[in-house]
Structures are given as structure tokens and as C-alpha cells.
Amino acid sequence: MAQQVNISELSLPQLEVLKNQLDQEVEFLSSSIAQLKVVQTKYVEAKDCLTVLNKSNEGKYCLLSKYIYMLFLQPFPEGKELLVPLSSSMYVPGKLSDVSSVLIDVGTGYYVEKSVDDARDFFKRKIDFLTKQIEKIQPALQEKHAMKQAVIEMMSQKIQQLTTAGASQAAATKA
């Protein structure tokens, strides 16, 4: 267990070191949450895009989002024309040939073939897992923010004490 320190007993330089450490921890936790949210958003957007794709059958082509390359979760009719992303700004026309199974990007260049229902379950589990991880990190981030604020307040008090003491000494030496 971490050792507890009364911040009122720390000197100004020690408080500065502690504040810098807390700044780094807050930055790390904030960055971790942001990265988790980016990944979570990819899964959610892919899922949302499929819902939209399933409803819009009027056009000749069905434009996939830049994240939809991961999956085709809706049972589109075979031969349905769509645009397949080659990069974030380049697409080629294509047609669906097999809609009974999908290839899912599971990371680091590995793809897994799954049924449509299994793919839905997979992405739901991923979204739920990421949500739980974010919920675990959030309290730690809030605690670090509160600790940082307390250190800043203590630093302000110590600076004010030093300023007052300096002013008192200056007044005493003039007299």
C-alpha cells in the first residue's frame, strides 16, 4: 500500500516535484481514457453504420465508413453494390458475394471468420469491455485531479506565507 504523506509538512520544492508527478499521472490516465474511447468509437461507428446501411437501399452504391472494413454484420443480399475503402479517401466499387459469414479484424493483422450473429456478439463484448475499462480508470483520474488541486492550493498557501514573512522581515529591517 502507498505511503501517505501530509502535504502541509512538505517544502515548496517537494510540493513542486509532487505536482509534476501528479501532472504526469493525470496526463497518462487522460491519454489512456482517450485511446480507449477512440477504439470504442470505432466499434460503435461500425455497428451504427451497418444499421444505416441496412435502411438505405435506394442508391446504387452503399458507402462504407472508414471503420466498416472490420465487418459486414447485416445480412445484405448477395450482389449488392457498395464502395469498398482502400484508404481513408479512396474507394473502389464492389459487390457482396458471401453474406453468411464475415471476416473480423481482431488486431495485429489477424482476421477471424465468424457468422453474422457471432460477429455481432463479438463487437458487443468489445464495446462493453472498453466501457468497463473506462469506468475503472475514471475514478483514479478524478482522485489524481483532486490530489493535484490540493497540492496547488498548499503551494499557494506556502508562497503566500513566504511572501508575508518576507514583507514582515523587510518592514522590521526598515524600522
Protein backbone atom coordinates (compact mmCIF):
# COMPACT_ATOMS: atom_id res chain seq x y z
CA MET A 1 0.00 0.00 0.00
CA ALA A 2 1.23 3.50 -0.79
CA GLN A 3 2.69 5.59 1.99
CA GLN A 4 0.58 8.59 2.96
CA VAL A 5 2.25 11.97 3.35
CA ASN A 6 0.79 15.09 4.89
CA ILE A 7 1.33 17.69 2.17
CA SER A 8 1.37 20.54 4.71
CA GLU A 9 4.67 19.13 6.02
CA LEU A 10 6.34 19.26 2.59
CA SER A 11 8.57 22.09 1.48
CA LEU A 12 7.78 24.17 -1.60
CA PRO A 13 10.33 22.31 -3.80
CA GLN A 14 8.93 18.97 -2.63
CA LEU A 15 5.42 20.16 -3.47
CA GLU A 16 6.63 21.19 -6.93
CA VAL A 17 8.06 17.68 -7.51
CA LEU A 18 4.81 16.10 -6.30
CA LYS A 19 2.76 18.40 -8.55
CA ASN A 20 4.89 17.45 -11.56
CA GLN A 21 4.44 13.77 -10.77
CA LEU A 22 0.68 14.20 -10.47
CA ASP A 23 0.67 16.14 -13.76
CA GLN A 24 2.32 13.16 -15.46
CA GLU A 25 -0.11 10.68 -13.89
CA VAL A 26 -3.12 12.78 -14.89
CA GLU A 27 -1.77 13.06 -18.44
CA PHE A 28 -1.20 9.30 -18.63
CA LEU A 29 -4.68 8.44 -17.33
CA SER A 30 -6.32 11.03 -19.59
CA SER A 31 -4.43 9.67 -22.58
CA SER A 32 -5.43 6.10 -21.69
CA ILE A 33 -9.10 7.05 -21.49
CA ALA A 34 -8.87 8.94 -24.78
CA GLN A 35 -7.29 5.94 -26.52
CA LEU A 36 -9.95 3.59 -25.15
CA LYS A 37 -12.68 5.96 -26.33
CA VAL A 38 -11.17 6.09 -29.84
CA VAL A 39 -11.24 2.30 -30.10
CA GLN A 40 -14.72 2.15 -28.60
CA THR A 41 -15.93 4.75 -31.10
CA LYS A 42 -14.62 2.64 -33.98
CA TYR A 43 -16.70 -0.31 -32.86
CA VAL A 44 -19.78 1.81 -32.22
CA GLU A 45 -19.48 3.63 -35.57
CA ALA A 46 -19.12 0.35 -37.43
CA LYS A 47 -22.21 -1.00 -35.72
CA ASP A 48 -24.17 2.22 -36.34
CA CYS A 49 -23.06 2.36 -39.97
CA LEU A 50 -24.43 -1.11 -40.56
CA THR A 51 -27.80 -0.11 -39.19
CA VAL A 52 -27.87 2.85 -41.58
CA LEU A 53 -26.72 0.70 -44.48
CA ASN A 54 -29.49 -1.77 -43.84
CA LYS A 55 -32.09 1.01 -44.09
CA SER A 56 -30.78 2.82 -47.17
CA ASN A 57 -31.24 0.59 -50.16
CA GLU A 58 -32.28 3.31 -52.65
CA GLY A 59 -28.84 4.19 -54.02
CA LYS A 60 -26.77 2.17 -56.44
CA TYR A 61 -23.80 2.09 -54.08
CA CYS A 62 -23.64 1.69 -50.36
CA LEU A 63 -20.73 3.75 -48.99
CA LEU A 64 -18.98 2.09 -46.05
CA SER A 65 -17.45 4.15 -43.29
CA LYS A 66 -13.70 4.05 -42.83
CA TYR A 67 -14.21 1.63 -39.92
CA ILE A 68 -16.65 -0.73 -41.57
CA TYR A 69 -13.83 -2.71 -43.18
CA MET A 70 -13.90 -4.67 -39.95
CA LEU A 71 -17.21 -6.32 -40.55
CA PHE A 72 -20.39 -6.77 -42.55
CA LEU A 73 -22.91 -7.54 -39.84
CA GLN A 74 -26.22 -7.07 -41.64
CA PRO A 75 -27.38 -9.81 -43.99
CA PHE A 76 -27.21 -7.77 -47.21
CA PRO A 77 -28.42 -9.51 -50.35
CA GLU A 78 -25.71 -11.14 -52.41
CA GLY A 79 -24.68 -8.97 -55.34
CA LYS A 80 -25.47 -5.71 -53.52
CA GLU A 81 -23.20 -2.98 -54.89
CA LEU A 82 -21.13 -0.96 -52.46
CA LEU A 83 -17.95 1.08 -52.20
CA VAL A 84 -15.02 -0.63 -50.52
CA PRO A 85 -12.44 1.63 -48.81
CA LEU A 86 -8.82 1.18 -49.92
CA SER A 87 -7.68 4.13 -47.81
CA SER A 88 -9.37 6.90 -45.85
CA SER A 89 -10.07 8.78 -49.11
CA MET A 90 -10.08 6.17 -51.87
CA TYR A 91 -12.85 3.66 -52.61
CA VAL A 92 -13.49 1.07 -55.29
CA PRO A 93 -16.84 -0.35 -56.36
CA GLY A 94 -17.57 -3.88 -55.22
CA LYS A 95 -20.33 -6.45 -54.83
CA LEU A 96 -21.09 -8.69 -51.90
CA SER A 97 -20.60 -12.31 -52.80
CA ASP A 98 -20.98 -14.17 -49.48
CA VAL A 99 -23.18 -12.75 -46.75
CA SER A 100 -23.38 -15.77 -44.46
CA SER A 101 -20.03 -15.14 -42.75
CA VAL A 102 -17.75 -12.19 -42.16
CA LEU A 103 -14.06 -11.54 -41.59
CA ILE A 104 -13.33 -9.55 -38.47
CA ASP A 105 -10.11 -7.66 -37.84
CA VAL A 106 -9.13 -8.82 -34.35
CA GLY A 107 -5.90 -6.81 -34.33
CA THR A 108 -2.26 -7.01 -35.38
CA GLY A 109 -3.20 -8.11 -38.88
CA TYR A 110 -5.22 -11.16 -37.85
CA TYR A 111 -8.70 -11.79 -39.20
CA VAL A 112 -11.25 -14.30 -37.94
CA GLU A 113 -14.17 -15.66 -39.93
CA LYS A 114 -17.41 -15.63 -37.95
CA SER A 115 -21.09 -15.94 -38.58
CA VAL A 116 -23.07 -12.70 -38.61
CA ASP A 117 -24.55 -13.36 -35.16
CA ASP A 118 -21.17 -14.29 -33.68
CA ALA A 119 -19.71 -11.10 -35.13
CA ARG A 120 -22.46 -9.02 -33.51
CA ASP A 121 -21.76 -10.68 -30.18
CA PHE A 122 -18.02 -10.12 -30.60
CA PHE A 123 -18.41 -6.38 -31.16
CA LYS A 124 -20.93 -6.02 -28.37
CA ARG A 125 -18.47 -7.70 -25.99
CA LYS A 126 -15.66 -5.40 -27.18
CA ILE A 127 -17.78 -2.28 -26.64
CA ASP A 128 -18.86 -3.49 -23.17
CA PHE A 129 -15.27 -4.37 -22.22
CA LEU A 130 -13.98 -0.94 -23.26
CA THR A 131 -16.81 0.78 -21.37
CA LYS A 132 -15.86 -1.12 -18.18
CA GLN A 133 -12.18 -0.23 -18.60
CA ILE A 134 -13.03 3.45 -18.98
CA GLU A 135 -15.26 3.26 -15.89
CA LYS A 136 -12.35 1.70 -13.92
CA ILE A 137 -9.87 4.42 -14.90
CA GLN A 138 -12.22 7.39 -14.42
CA PRO A 139 -12.21 7.33 -10.56
CA ALA A 140 -8.40 7.14 -10.48
CA LEU A 141 -8.22 10.14 -12.79
CA GLN A 142 -10.63 12.10 -10.60
CA GLU A 143 -8.61 11.20 -7.50
CA LYS A 144 -5.37 12.38 -9.14
CA HIS A 145 -7.06 15.63 -10.18
CA ALA A 146 -8.22 16.21 -6.58
CA MET A 147 -4.74 15.45 -5.23
CA LYS A 148 -3.17 17.82 -7.75
CA GLN A 149 -5.61 20.57 -6.78
CA ALA A 150 -4.80 20.07 -3.08
CA VAL A 151 -1.07 20.32 -3.83
CA ILE A 152 -1.60 23.51 -5.86
CA GLU A 153 -3.62 25.04 -3.02
CA MET A 154 -0.92 24.10 -0.49
CA MET A 155 1.74 25.61 -2.76
CA SER A 156 -0.27 28.83 -2.94
CA GLN A 157 -0.58 28.92 0.85
CA LYS A 158 3.16 28.37 1.30
CA ILE A 159 4.01 31.04 -1.27
CA GLN A 160 1.66 33.46 0.48
CA GLN A 161 3.28 32.60 3.86
CA LEU A 162 6.74 33.21 2.40
CA THR A 163 5.59 36.49 0.83
CA THR A 164 4.04 37.62 4.13
CA ALA A 165 7.12 36.58 6.09
CA GLY A 166 9.36 38.38 3.59
CA ALA A 167 7.26 41.53 3.85
CA SER A 168 7.36 41.37 7.65
CA GLN A 169 11.15 40.98 7.63
CA ALA A 170 11.52 43.89 5.22
CA ALA A 171 9.33 46.07 7.44
CA ALA A 172 11.33 45.02 10.54
CA THR A 173 14.68 45.86 8.93
CA LYS A 174 13.43 49.33 7.89
CA ALA A 175 12.38 50.14 11.43
